[in-house]
Amino acid sequence: MGLQWVATATAGLTALYMARAWLLTFFGEYRGHAHPHESPKVMTLPLVFLAAASIVIGFFYLPFQRYLGHWTPLELHVNASIAIVSSGVVVAGYLIAMWIYGRPGLARAEAIQARFKPVHNLLVNKYYFDDFYLWLVRVVQQGIAHVCRAFEENVVVKGLVGVPVRFTGWVGDRSRRLQSGRLNFYAYLFVGGVTILFLFLVALGVR
């Protein structure tokens, strides 16, 4: 039942804003800069055909439903109370649009906007969903991105990767100094290494 009333209210709002679009487009003051013109026939003719087909099907399908039932799988059941209430809501939406936008100018619409400014701002800003989404992107997402970037640069790159790289470079820099190119220096290293190895073996008691 709740969904039925929501659908009925939606039908009334649809009638209101469609009537508003029709009144402002064809009876309101032109506020643009370009020169309006009719669409080409390749666009208007399909719309005319669809509108005519909708009218024909809507008005003439029900009387011939029992004859056309085997041609169409859709079986329509009309609830008179729902149809009457929905039609009344649609007419009410149209009349409200006529009352607000029927006169030249937008004085009455602007007066209503000023009277219900908080509601108007809420609707114009689309319940602030876009602002909330931008806040999530700019503050939350970008904040997490900055934290991840700082962790990557300082902990991963400079720490986990940088420290071994710098240590390897330091060891390589110190090791290359052993390659002096002088034979007597190599001989000293050989004798010193053998001596250290001999003393180490003696300390271990190896004979």
N, C-alpha and C. Protein backbone atom coordinates (compact mmCIF):
# COMPACT_ATOMS: atom_id res chain seq x y z
N MET A 1 0.83 -1.20 0.00
CA MET A 1 0.00 0.00 0.00
C MET A 1 0.87 1.25 0.00
N GLY A 2 1.97 1.20 0.75
CA GLY A 2 2.86 2.34 0.80
C GLY A 2 3.47 2.66 -0.55
N LEU A 3 3.87 1.61 -1.28
CA LEU A 3 4.44 1.81 -2.60
C LEU A 3 3.42 2.41 -3.56
N GLN A 4 2.14 2.05 -3.37
CA GLN A 4 1.09 2.60 -4.22
C GLN A 4 0.99 4.11 -4.04
N TRP A 5 1.04 4.59 -2.78
CA TRP A 5 0.95 6.02 -2.54
C TRP A 5 2.20 6.73 -3.05
N VAL A 6 3.35 6.09 -2.92
CA VAL A 6 4.58 6.69 -3.46
C VAL A 6 4.48 6.83 -4.97
N ALA A 7 3.98 5.79 -5.64
CA ALA A 7 3.81 5.86 -7.09
C ALA A 7 2.79 6.92 -7.48
N THR A 8 1.72 7.04 -6.69
CA THR A 8 0.70 8.05 -6.99
C THR A 8 1.27 9.45 -6.84
N ALA A 9 2.01 9.69 -5.75
CA ALA A 9 2.64 11.00 -5.56
C ALA A 9 3.65 11.30 -6.66
N THR A 10 4.36 10.28 -7.08
CA THR A 10 5.33 10.46 -8.17
C THR A 10 4.62 10.85 -9.46
N ALA A 11 3.46 10.25 -9.72
CA ALA A 11 2.68 10.62 -10.91
C ALA A 11 2.26 12.08 -10.85
N GLY A 12 1.85 12.55 -9.66
CA GLY A 12 1.49 13.96 -9.53
C GLY A 12 2.67 14.89 -9.74
N LEU A 13 3.83 14.55 -9.19
CA LEU A 13 5.03 15.36 -9.40
C LEU A 13 5.45 15.36 -10.87
N THR A 14 5.30 14.20 -11.51
CA THR A 14 5.64 14.12 -12.94
C THR A 14 4.75 15.05 -13.75
N ALA A 15 3.45 15.04 -13.46
CA ALA A 15 2.54 15.95 -14.16
C ALA A 15 2.90 17.40 -13.89
N LEU A 16 3.31 17.70 -12.66
CA LEU A 16 3.65 19.09 -12.30
C LEU A 16 4.86 19.57 -13.08
N TYR A 17 5.96 18.80 -13.06
CA TYR A 17 7.16 19.33 -13.72
C TYR A 17 7.08 19.22 -15.24
N MET A 18 6.27 18.29 -15.76
CA MET A 18 6.08 18.27 -17.22
C MET A 18 5.23 19.47 -17.67
N ALA A 19 4.20 19.80 -16.87
CA ALA A 19 3.41 20.99 -17.18
C ALA A 19 4.26 22.24 -17.04
N ARG A 20 5.13 22.27 -16.05
CA ARG A 20 6.05 23.41 -15.89
C ARG A 20 6.95 23.56 -17.10
N ALA A 21 7.52 22.43 -17.58
CA ALA A 21 8.38 22.49 -18.76
C ALA A 21 7.60 22.97 -19.98
N TRP A 22 6.38 22.51 -20.12
CA TRP A 22 5.54 22.93 -21.26
C TRP A 22 5.21 24.41 -21.19
N LEU A 23 4.82 24.90 -20.00
CA LEU A 23 4.44 26.30 -19.85
C LEU A 23 5.64 27.23 -20.05
N LEU A 24 6.77 26.89 -19.45
CA LEU A 24 7.94 27.76 -19.58
C LEU A 24 8.53 27.72 -20.98
N THR A 25 8.35 26.59 -21.67
CA THR A 25 8.92 26.48 -23.01
C THR A 25 8.08 27.22 -24.05
N PHE A 26 6.77 27.06 -23.99
CA PHE A 26 5.91 27.61 -25.05
C PHE A 26 5.18 28.89 -24.65
N PHE A 27 5.09 29.19 -23.37
CA PHE A 27 4.36 30.38 -22.95
C PHE A 27 5.19 31.32 -22.08
N GLY A 28 6.38 30.89 -21.68
CA GLY A 28 7.22 31.75 -20.85
C GLY A 28 8.10 32.67 -21.68
N GLU A 29 8.83 33.51 -20.98
CA GLU A 29 9.75 34.42 -21.64
C GLU A 29 11.04 33.68 -21.99
N TYR A 30 11.55 33.95 -23.20
CA TYR A 30 12.77 33.28 -23.65
C TYR A 30 13.97 33.89 -22.93
N ARG A 31 14.74 33.03 -22.27
CA ARG A 31 15.88 33.50 -21.49
C ARG A 31 17.21 33.01 -22.04
N GLY A 32 17.20 32.42 -23.22
CA GLY A 32 18.43 31.93 -23.82
C GLY A 32 19.05 32.93 -24.78
N HIS A 33 20.04 32.46 -25.53
CA HIS A 33 20.76 33.31 -26.49
C HIS A 33 20.71 32.73 -27.90
N ALA A 34 20.51 31.44 -28.02
CA ALA A 34 20.47 30.83 -29.35
C ALA A 34 19.08 31.01 -29.97
N HIS A 35 18.97 30.66 -31.24
CA HIS A 35 17.69 30.77 -31.94
C HIS A 35 17.01 29.41 -31.93
N PRO A 36 15.91 29.25 -31.17
CA PRO A 36 15.26 27.93 -31.11
C PRO A 36 14.57 27.58 -32.42
N HIS A 37 14.56 26.31 -32.74
CA HIS A 37 13.93 25.85 -33.97
C HIS A 37 13.44 24.42 -33.75
N GLU A 38 12.55 23.99 -34.61
CA GLU A 38 11.98 22.65 -34.50
C GLU A 38 13.00 21.60 -34.92
N SER A 39 12.88 20.43 -34.32
CA SER A 39 13.78 19.33 -34.66
C SER A 39 13.46 18.83 -36.07
N PRO A 40 14.41 18.19 -36.73
CA PRO A 40 14.13 17.65 -38.06
C PRO A 40 13.11 16.51 -38.00
N LYS A 41 12.54 16.20 -39.15
CA LYS A 41 11.49 15.18 -39.20
C LYS A 41 11.98 13.80 -38.79
N VAL A 42 13.27 13.56 -38.98
CA VAL A 42 13.79 12.25 -38.59
C VAL A 42 13.68 12.04 -37.08
N MET A 43 13.52 13.13 -36.31
CA MET A 43 13.34 13.03 -34.87
C MET A 43 11.88 13.19 -34.46
N THR A 44 11.15 14.07 -35.16
CA THR A 44 9.77 14.33 -34.75
C THR A 44 8.80 13.23 -35.20
N LEU A 45 8.98 12.68 -36.38
CA LEU A 45 8.04 11.67 -36.88
C LEU A 45 7.99 10.43 -35.99
N PRO A 46 9.12 9.87 -35.54
CA PRO A 46 9.01 8.72 -34.61
C PRO A 46 8.27 9.07 -33.32
N LEU A 47 8.44 10.30 -32.82
CA LEU A 47 7.74 10.70 -31.60
C LEU A 47 6.23 10.80 -31.85
N VAL A 48 5.85 11.34 -33.01
CA VAL A 48 4.43 11.42 -33.35
C VAL A 48 3.84 10.02 -33.47
N PHE A 49 4.55 9.12 -34.10
CA PHE A 49 4.06 7.74 -34.25
C PHE A 49 3.90 7.07 -32.90
N LEU A 50 4.88 7.24 -32.00
CA LEU A 50 4.78 6.63 -30.68
C LEU A 50 3.64 7.23 -29.87
N ALA A 51 3.44 8.54 -29.97
CA ALA A 51 2.34 9.17 -29.24
C ALA A 51 0.99 8.68 -29.74
N ALA A 52 0.85 8.60 -31.06
CA ALA A 52 -0.41 8.11 -31.62
C ALA A 52 -0.65 6.66 -31.23
N ALA A 53 0.37 5.83 -31.30
CA ALA A 53 0.22 4.42 -30.92
C ALA A 53 -0.16 4.29 -29.45
N SER A 54 0.41 5.14 -28.59
CA SER A 54 0.08 5.08 -27.16
C SER A 54 -1.38 5.44 -26.93
N ILE A 55 -1.88 6.46 -27.65
CA ILE A 55 -3.28 6.85 -27.49
C ILE A 55 -4.21 5.73 -27.96
N VAL A 56 -3.90 5.15 -29.11
CA VAL A 56 -4.74 4.10 -29.66
C VAL A 56 -4.77 2.88 -28.74
N ILE A 57 -3.58 2.48 -28.29
CA ILE A 57 -3.52 1.30 -27.41
C ILE A 57 -4.23 1.58 -26.09
N GLY A 58 -4.04 2.78 -25.55
CA GLY A 58 -4.64 3.09 -24.26
C GLY A 58 -6.15 3.12 -24.29
N PHE A 59 -6.73 3.64 -25.35
CA PHE A 59 -8.18 3.80 -25.40
C PHE A 59 -8.91 2.62 -26.03
N PHE A 60 -8.26 1.90 -26.91
CA PHE A 60 -8.97 0.89 -27.68
C PHE A 60 -8.51 -0.54 -27.39
N TYR A 61 -7.52 -0.70 -26.51
CA TYR A 61 -7.06 -2.06 -26.26
C TYR A 61 -8.04 -2.83 -25.38
N LEU A 62 -8.53 -2.17 -24.31
CA LEU A 62 -9.38 -2.88 -23.36
C LEU A 62 -10.66 -3.43 -23.99
N PRO A 63 -11.40 -2.66 -24.83
CA PRO A 63 -12.62 -3.24 -25.43
C PRO A 63 -12.35 -4.45 -26.30
N PHE A 64 -11.18 -4.53 -26.90
CA PHE A 64 -10.87 -5.64 -27.80
C PHE A 64 -9.88 -6.62 -27.19
N GLN A 65 -9.75 -6.57 -25.85
CA GLN A 65 -8.75 -7.42 -25.20
C GLN A 65 -9.06 -8.90 -25.39
N ARG A 66 -10.34 -9.26 -25.29
CA ARG A 66 -10.67 -10.68 -25.41
C ARG A 66 -10.47 -11.19 -26.83
N TYR A 67 -10.48 -10.28 -27.82
CA TYR A 67 -10.23 -10.68 -29.20
C TYR A 67 -8.73 -10.69 -29.53
N LEU A 68 -7.97 -9.86 -28.83
CA LEU A 68 -6.54 -9.73 -29.13
C LEU A 68 -5.67 -10.43 -28.09
N GLY A 69 -6.33 -11.13 -27.15
CA GLY A 69 -5.56 -11.74 -26.07
C GLY A 69 -4.54 -12.74 -26.55
N HIS A 70 -4.87 -13.52 -27.60
CA HIS A 70 -3.92 -14.52 -28.07
C HIS A 70 -2.79 -13.90 -28.89
N TRP A 71 -2.93 -12.60 -29.28
CA TRP A 71 -1.85 -11.92 -30.02
C TRP A 71 -0.84 -11.27 -29.06
N THR A 72 -1.31 -10.85 -27.91
CA THR A 72 -0.42 -10.17 -26.96
C THR A 72 -0.38 -10.95 -25.67
N PRO A 73 0.81 -11.19 -25.12
CA PRO A 73 0.92 -11.95 -23.87
C PRO A 73 0.51 -11.13 -22.66
N LEU A 74 0.38 -9.78 -22.80
CA LEU A 74 0.06 -8.94 -21.65
C LEU A 74 -1.44 -8.89 -21.42
N GLU A 75 -1.85 -9.16 -20.21
CA GLU A 75 -3.25 -9.07 -19.84
C GLU A 75 -3.42 -7.95 -18.82
N LEU A 76 -4.22 -6.96 -19.17
CA LEU A 76 -4.39 -5.79 -18.32
C LEU A 76 -5.59 -5.94 -17.40
N HIS A 77 -5.40 -5.53 -16.17
CA HIS A 77 -6.48 -5.50 -15.19
C HIS A 77 -6.53 -4.08 -14.62
N VAL A 78 -7.63 -3.40 -14.82
CA VAL A 78 -7.77 -2.01 -14.42
C VAL A 78 -8.52 -1.95 -13.10
N ASN A 79 -7.92 -1.27 -12.12
CA ASN A 79 -8.56 -1.01 -10.84
C ASN A 79 -9.16 0.39 -10.92
N ALA A 80 -10.48 0.48 -10.85
CA ALA A 80 -11.16 1.76 -11.07
C ALA A 80 -10.74 2.80 -10.03
N SER A 81 -10.62 2.41 -8.76
CA SER A 81 -10.27 3.38 -7.72
C SER A 81 -8.85 3.93 -7.93
N ILE A 82 -7.95 3.03 -8.28
CA ILE A 82 -6.57 3.47 -8.52
C ILE A 82 -6.52 4.39 -9.74
N ALA A 83 -7.26 4.03 -10.78
CA ALA A 83 -7.26 4.86 -11.99
C ALA A 83 -7.84 6.24 -11.72
N ILE A 84 -8.91 6.30 -10.93
CA ILE A 84 -9.53 7.59 -10.62
C ILE A 84 -8.61 8.46 -9.76
N VAL A 85 -8.02 7.85 -8.72
CA VAL A 85 -7.13 8.60 -7.84
C VAL A 85 -5.89 9.08 -8.60
N SER A 86 -5.31 8.22 -9.41
CA SER A 86 -4.13 8.60 -10.18
C SER A 86 -4.44 9.72 -11.16
N SER A 87 -5.59 9.61 -11.82
CA SER A 87 -5.98 10.67 -12.76
C SER A 87 -6.22 11.99 -12.02
N GLY A 88 -6.85 11.91 -10.85
CA GLY A 88 -7.06 13.13 -10.07
C GLY A 88 -5.76 13.78 -9.62
N VAL A 89 -4.80 12.95 -9.21
CA VAL A 89 -3.50 13.47 -8.79
C VAL A 89 -2.78 14.12 -9.97
N VAL A 90 -2.87 13.51 -11.14
CA VAL A 90 -2.24 14.09 -12.33
C VAL A 90 -2.86 15.44 -12.68
N VAL A 91 -4.20 15.51 -12.63
CA VAL A 91 -4.89 16.78 -12.90
C VAL A 91 -4.50 17.82 -11.86
N ALA A 92 -4.40 17.40 -10.59
CA ALA A 92 -4.00 18.34 -9.54
C ALA A 92 -2.59 18.86 -9.78
N GLY A 93 -1.68 17.99 -10.20
CA GLY A 93 -0.32 18.44 -10.51
C GLY A 93 -0.30 19.43 -11.65
N TYR A 94 -1.13 19.19 -12.65
CA TYR A 94 -1.22 20.13 -13.78
C TYR A 94 -1.78 21.47 -13.33
N LEU A 95 -2.82 21.47 -12.50
CA LEU A 95 -3.43 22.71 -12.03
C LEU A 95 -2.46 23.51 -11.15
N ILE A 96 -1.69 22.80 -10.31
CA ILE A 96 -0.70 23.49 -9.49
C ILE A 96 0.35 24.16 -10.36
N ALA A 97 0.79 23.45 -11.41
CA ALA A 97 1.75 24.04 -12.34
C ALA A 97 1.15 25.26 -13.04
N MET A 98 -0.13 25.19 -13.41
CA MET A 98 -0.78 26.33 -14.03
C MET A 98 -0.86 27.52 -13.06
N TRP A 99 -1.14 27.24 -11.79
CA TRP A 99 -1.23 28.30 -10.79
C TRP A 99 0.12 28.98 -10.55
N ILE A 100 1.19 28.19 -10.59
CA ILE A 100 2.51 28.76 -10.31
C ILE A 100 3.12 29.40 -11.55
N TYR A 101 3.04 28.72 -12.69
CA TYR A 101 3.76 29.16 -13.88
C TYR A 101 2.84 29.65 -15.00
N GLY A 102 1.52 29.69 -14.76
CA GLY A 102 0.61 30.09 -15.82
C GLY A 102 0.71 31.55 -16.19
N ARG A 103 1.02 32.41 -15.23
CA ARG A 103 1.15 33.83 -15.52
C ARG A 103 2.53 34.14 -16.10
N PRO A 104 2.63 35.21 -16.88
CA PRO A 104 3.96 35.61 -17.40
C PRO A 104 4.91 35.96 -16.25
N GLY A 105 6.13 35.60 -16.43
CA GLY A 105 7.11 35.85 -15.37
C GLY A 105 7.14 34.73 -14.34
N LEU A 106 8.06 34.86 -13.41
CA LEU A 106 8.25 33.82 -12.39
C LEU A 106 8.09 34.40 -10.99
N ALA A 107 7.26 35.45 -10.87
CA ALA A 107 7.11 36.10 -9.56
C ALA A 107 6.54 35.15 -8.53
N ARG A 108 5.50 34.38 -8.89
CA ARG A 108 4.88 33.47 -7.93
C ARG A 108 5.83 32.32 -7.57
N ALA A 109 6.54 31.82 -8.57
CA ALA A 109 7.51 30.75 -8.29
C ALA A 109 8.62 31.26 -7.39
N GLU A 110 9.12 32.46 -7.63
CA GLU A 110 10.17 33.02 -6.79
C GLU A 110 9.66 33.28 -5.37
N ALA A 111 8.39 33.70 -5.25
CA ALA A 111 7.82 33.92 -3.92
C ALA A 111 7.74 32.60 -3.14
N ILE A 112 7.34 31.53 -3.81
CA ILE A 112 7.27 30.23 -3.16
C ILE A 112 8.67 29.75 -2.77
N GLN A 113 9.64 29.97 -3.64
CA GLN A 113 11.02 29.59 -3.31
C GLN A 113 11.52 30.34 -2.09
N ALA A 114 11.21 31.64 -2.01
CA ALA A 114 11.65 32.43 -0.86
C ALA A 114 10.96 31.98 0.43
N ARG A 115 9.70 31.58 0.33
CA ARG A 115 8.97 31.16 1.52
C ARG A 115 9.45 29.81 2.03
N PHE A 116 9.78 28.93 1.13
CA PHE A 116 10.26 27.60 1.52
C PHE A 116 11.73 27.45 1.10
N LYS A 117 12.54 28.42 1.49
CA LYS A 117 13.94 28.44 1.05
C LYS A 117 14.74 27.21 1.49
N PRO A 118 14.62 26.76 2.75
CA PRO A 118 15.38 25.55 3.13
C PRO A 118 15.03 24.33 2.28
N VAL A 119 13.72 24.14 2.04
CA VAL A 119 13.31 23.01 1.20
C VAL A 119 13.80 23.20 -0.23
N HIS A 120 13.70 24.43 -0.72
CA HIS A 120 14.17 24.71 -2.09
C HIS A 120 15.66 24.45 -2.22
N ASN A 121 16.44 24.90 -1.24
CA ASN A 121 17.89 24.65 -1.29
C ASN A 121 18.20 23.17 -1.22
N LEU A 122 17.44 22.44 -0.39
CA LEU A 122 17.67 21.00 -0.28
C LEU A 122 17.42 20.30 -1.61
N LEU A 123 16.36 20.69 -2.31
CA LEU A 123 16.02 20.06 -3.58
C LEU A 123 16.97 20.51 -4.69
N VAL A 124 17.31 21.82 -4.72
CA VAL A 124 18.21 22.31 -5.75
C VAL A 124 19.58 21.65 -5.64
N ASN A 125 20.04 21.44 -4.43
CA ASN A 125 21.34 20.81 -4.21
C ASN A 125 21.27 19.28 -4.20
N LYS A 126 20.13 18.73 -4.63
CA LYS A 126 19.96 17.28 -4.78
C LYS A 126 20.29 16.56 -3.47
N TYR A 127 19.69 17.08 -2.38
CA TYR A 127 19.86 16.51 -1.05
C TYR A 127 21.33 16.47 -0.62
N TYR A 128 22.17 17.26 -1.27
CA TYR A 128 23.60 17.41 -0.95
C TYR A 128 24.36 16.10 -1.12
N PHE A 129 23.81 15.20 -1.93
CA PHE A 129 24.53 13.95 -2.18
C PHE A 129 25.83 14.21 -2.94
N ASP A 130 25.79 15.14 -3.91
CA ASP A 130 26.99 15.44 -4.67
C ASP A 130 28.06 16.07 -3.78
N ASP A 131 27.64 16.97 -2.88
CA ASP A 131 28.60 17.58 -1.96
C ASP A 131 29.21 16.53 -1.03
N PHE A 132 28.38 15.61 -0.56
CA PHE A 132 28.90 14.55 0.30
C PHE A 132 29.89 13.66 -0.46
N TYR A 133 29.55 13.37 -1.72
CA TYR A 133 30.45 12.54 -2.53
C TYR A 133 31.78 13.26 -2.77
N LEU A 134 31.72 14.58 -3.08
CA LEU A 134 32.95 15.35 -3.28
C LEU A 134 33.77 15.40 -2.00
N TRP A 135 33.09 15.51 -0.85
CA TRP A 135 33.82 15.49 0.42
C TRP A 135 34.52 14.15 0.64
N LEU A 136 33.85 13.08 0.30
CA LEU A 136 34.49 11.77 0.42
C LEU A 136 35.72 11.67 -0.45
N VAL A 137 35.63 12.21 -1.68
CA VAL A 137 36.76 12.12 -2.61
C VAL A 137 37.90 13.03 -2.16
N ARG A 138 37.57 14.30 -1.87
CA ARG A 138 38.61 15.28 -1.58
C ARG A 138 39.24 15.09 -0.21
N VAL A 139 38.46 14.72 0.79
CA VAL A 139 38.97 14.64 2.16
C VAL A 139 39.36 13.20 2.52
N VAL A 140 38.39 12.29 2.43
CA VAL A 140 38.64 10.92 2.88
C VAL A 140 39.58 10.19 1.92
N GLN A 141 39.19 10.14 0.64
CA GLN A 141 40.01 9.39 -0.31
C GLN A 141 41.40 10.00 -0.48
N GLN A 142 41.44 11.35 -0.65
CA GLN A 142 42.74 12.00 -0.81
C GLN A 142 43.58 11.90 0.46
N GLY A 143 42.92 11.95 1.64
CA GLY A 143 43.67 11.77 2.88
C GLY A 143 44.32 10.40 2.97
N ILE A 144 43.55 9.37 2.63
CA ILE A 144 44.11 8.01 2.61
C ILE A 144 45.22 7.90 1.58
N ALA A 145 45.04 8.56 0.42
CA ALA A 145 46.08 8.52 -0.62
C ALA A 145 47.36 9.18 -0.13
N HIS A 146 47.26 10.32 0.57
CA HIS A 146 48.46 10.99 1.09
C HIS A 146 49.17 10.13 2.13
N VAL A 147 48.40 9.47 3.00
CA VAL A 147 49.01 8.60 4.01
C VAL A 147 49.73 7.43 3.34
N CYS A 148 49.08 6.81 2.35
CA CYS A 148 49.71 5.69 1.63
C CYS A 148 50.96 6.15 0.90
N ARG A 149 50.90 7.34 0.30
CA ARG A 149 52.08 7.85 -0.41
C ARG A 149 53.24 8.10 0.57
N ALA A 150 52.94 8.71 1.73
CA ALA A 150 54.00 8.95 2.72
C ALA A 150 54.59 7.64 3.22
N PHE A 151 53.73 6.63 3.46
CA PHE A 151 54.23 5.33 3.90
C PHE A 151 55.12 4.69 2.84
N GLU A 152 54.70 4.79 1.58
CA GLU A 152 55.48 4.18 0.50
C GLU A 152 56.84 4.87 0.35
N GLU A 153 56.83 6.22 0.39
CA GLU A 153 58.08 6.94 0.16
C GLU A 153 59.05 6.80 1.33
N ASN A 154 58.54 6.87 2.56
CA ASN A 154 59.43 6.91 3.72
C ASN A 154 59.73 5.53 4.31
N VAL A 155 58.74 4.64 4.29
CA VAL A 155 58.96 3.32 4.89
C VAL A 155 59.43 2.31 3.86
N VAL A 156 58.71 2.22 2.73
CA VAL A 156 59.05 1.20 1.74
C VAL A 156 60.28 1.61 0.92
N VAL A 157 60.20 2.78 0.28
CA VAL A 157 61.29 3.18 -0.62
C VAL A 157 62.56 3.52 0.14
N LYS A 158 62.43 4.44 1.13
CA LYS A 158 63.63 4.87 1.85
C LYS A 158 64.07 3.88 2.92
N GLY A 159 63.15 3.06 3.43
CA GLY A 159 63.50 2.13 4.49
C GLY A 159 63.76 0.73 4.00
N LEU A 160 62.69 -0.01 3.67
CA LEU A 160 62.84 -1.42 3.31
C LEU A 160 63.68 -1.62 2.06
N VAL A 161 63.56 -0.69 1.10
CA VAL A 161 64.35 -0.82 -0.13
C VAL A 161 65.62 0.02 -0.06
N GLY A 162 65.50 1.22 0.47
CA GLY A 162 66.64 2.14 0.45
C GLY A 162 67.79 1.70 1.33
N VAL A 163 67.49 1.20 2.53
CA VAL A 163 68.57 0.81 3.46
C VAL A 163 69.43 -0.32 2.87
N PRO A 164 68.85 -1.42 2.39
CA PRO A 164 69.72 -2.45 1.77
C PRO A 164 70.50 -1.93 0.56
N VAL A 165 69.88 -1.05 -0.22
CA VAL A 165 70.57 -0.51 -1.39
C VAL A 165 71.76 0.34 -0.96
N ARG A 166 71.55 1.21 0.04
CA ARG A 166 72.65 2.05 0.50
C ARG A 166 73.75 1.21 1.17
N PHE A 167 73.32 0.17 1.92
CA PHE A 167 74.33 -0.70 2.55
C PHE A 167 75.15 -1.43 1.50
N THR A 168 74.48 -1.94 0.49
CA THR A 168 75.19 -2.63 -0.59
C THR A 168 76.16 -1.67 -1.30
N GLY A 169 75.72 -0.44 -1.52
CA GLY A 169 76.61 0.55 -2.14
C GLY A 169 77.81 0.86 -1.27
N TRP A 170 77.55 0.95 0.07
CA TRP A 170 78.67 1.24 0.98
C TRP A 170 79.68 0.10 1.00
N VAL A 171 79.16 -1.14 1.04
CA VAL A 171 80.05 -2.30 1.02
C VAL A 171 80.83 -2.34 -0.29
N GLY A 172 80.16 -2.09 -1.41
CA GLY A 172 80.85 -2.09 -2.70
C GLY A 172 81.90 -1.01 -2.78
N ASP A 173 81.59 0.17 -2.21
CA ASP A 173 82.56 1.26 -2.25
C ASP A 173 83.79 0.92 -1.43
N ARG A 174 83.56 0.31 -0.28
CA ARG A 174 84.72 -0.05 0.55
C ARG A 174 85.48 -1.22 -0.06
N SER A 175 84.77 -2.16 -0.69
CA SER A 175 85.44 -3.34 -1.24
C SER A 175 86.30 -3.00 -2.46
N ARG A 176 85.85 -2.02 -3.24
CA ARG A 176 86.62 -1.71 -4.45
C ARG A 176 87.97 -1.10 -4.13
N ARG A 177 88.13 -0.58 -2.89
CA ARG A 177 89.41 -0.01 -2.53
C ARG A 177 90.49 -1.07 -2.32
N LEU A 178 90.01 -2.32 -2.14
CA LEU A 178 90.99 -3.40 -2.04
C LEU A 178 91.66 -3.69 -3.37
N GLN A 179 91.03 -3.29 -4.48
CA GLN A 179 91.60 -3.50 -5.82
C GLN A 179 92.50 -2.30 -6.17
N SER A 180 93.72 -2.35 -5.60
CA SER A 180 94.64 -1.23 -5.82
C SER A 180 95.49 -1.38 -7.07
N GLY A 181 95.64 -2.62 -7.54
CA GLY A 181 96.49 -2.85 -8.72
C GLY A 181 97.97 -3.03 -8.39
N ARG A 182 98.34 -3.03 -7.13
CA ARG A 182 99.74 -3.21 -6.72
C ARG A 182 99.95 -4.63 -6.20
N LEU A 183 100.96 -5.33 -6.77
CA LEU A 183 101.20 -6.73 -6.42
C LEU A 183 101.65 -6.91 -4.98
N ASN A 184 102.48 -5.98 -4.48
CA ASN A 184 102.94 -6.13 -3.10
C ASN A 184 101.78 -6.00 -2.11
N PHE A 185 100.77 -5.16 -2.48
CA PHE A 185 99.60 -5.02 -1.60
C PHE A 185 98.79 -6.31 -1.58
N TYR A 186 98.68 -6.95 -2.77
CA TYR A 186 97.99 -8.24 -2.83
C TYR A 186 98.73 -9.31 -2.05
N ALA A 187 100.05 -9.25 -2.09
CA ALA A 187 100.85 -10.23 -1.35
C ALA A 187 100.66 -10.06 0.15
N TYR A 188 100.63 -8.78 0.59
CA TYR A 188 100.37 -8.53 2.01
C TYR A 188 99.01 -9.06 2.44
N LEU A 189 98.01 -8.84 1.60
CA LEU A 189 96.68 -9.34 1.93
C LEU A 189 96.66 -10.86 1.99
N PHE A 190 97.39 -11.51 1.04
CA PHE A 190 97.42 -12.98 1.02
C PHE A 190 98.09 -13.52 2.26
N VAL A 191 99.23 -12.95 2.62
CA VAL A 191 99.95 -13.41 3.81
C VAL A 191 99.13 -13.14 5.05
N GLY A 192 98.53 -11.93 5.09
CA GLY A 192 97.71 -11.61 6.27
C GLY A 192 96.52 -12.53 6.38
N GLY A 193 95.87 -12.85 5.26
CA GLY A 193 94.73 -13.74 5.30
C GLY A 193 95.11 -15.14 5.73
N VAL A 194 96.25 -15.64 5.22
CA VAL A 194 96.71 -16.97 5.61
C VAL A 194 97.05 -17.00 7.09
N THR A 195 97.67 -15.94 7.56
CA THR A 195 98.05 -15.87 8.98
C THR A 195 96.81 -15.88 9.87
N ILE A 196 95.82 -15.07 9.50
CA ILE A 196 94.59 -15.02 10.29
C ILE A 196 93.89 -16.37 10.28
N LEU A 197 93.89 -17.06 9.12
CA LEU A 197 93.26 -18.38 9.04
C LEU A 197 94.02 -19.39 9.87
N PHE A 198 95.36 -19.31 9.88
CA PHE A 198 96.17 -20.24 10.67
C PHE A 198 95.91 -20.04 12.16
N LEU A 199 95.90 -18.78 12.59
CA LEU A 199 95.65 -18.50 14.01
C LEU A 199 94.24 -18.95 14.41
N PHE A 200 93.30 -18.80 13.51
CA PHE A 200 91.94 -19.22 13.80
C PHE A 200 91.86 -20.74 13.97
N LEU A 201 92.59 -21.46 13.11
CA LEU A 201 92.59 -22.93 13.22
C LEU A 201 93.31 -23.39 14.48
N VAL A 202 94.37 -22.69 14.83
CA VAL A 202 95.10 -23.04 16.07
C VAL A 202 94.21 -22.80 17.27
N ALA A 203 93.49 -21.70 17.23
CA ALA A 203 92.58 -21.42 18.36
C ALA A 203 91.52 -22.47 18.50
N LEU A 204 91.10 -23.07 17.40
CA LEU A 204 90.10 -24.13 17.45
C LEU A 204 90.71 -25.48 17.81
N GLY A 205 92.04 -25.57 17.85
CA GLY A 205 92.69 -26.82 18.21
C GLY A 205 92.81 -27.78 17.04
N VAL A 206 92.78 -27.28 15.83
CA VAL A 206 92.90 -28.13 14.65
C VAL A 206 94.37 -28.34 14.37
N ARG A 207 94.77 -29.61 14.14
CA ARG A 207 96.15 -29.94 13.85
C ARG A 207 96.26 -30.56 12.46
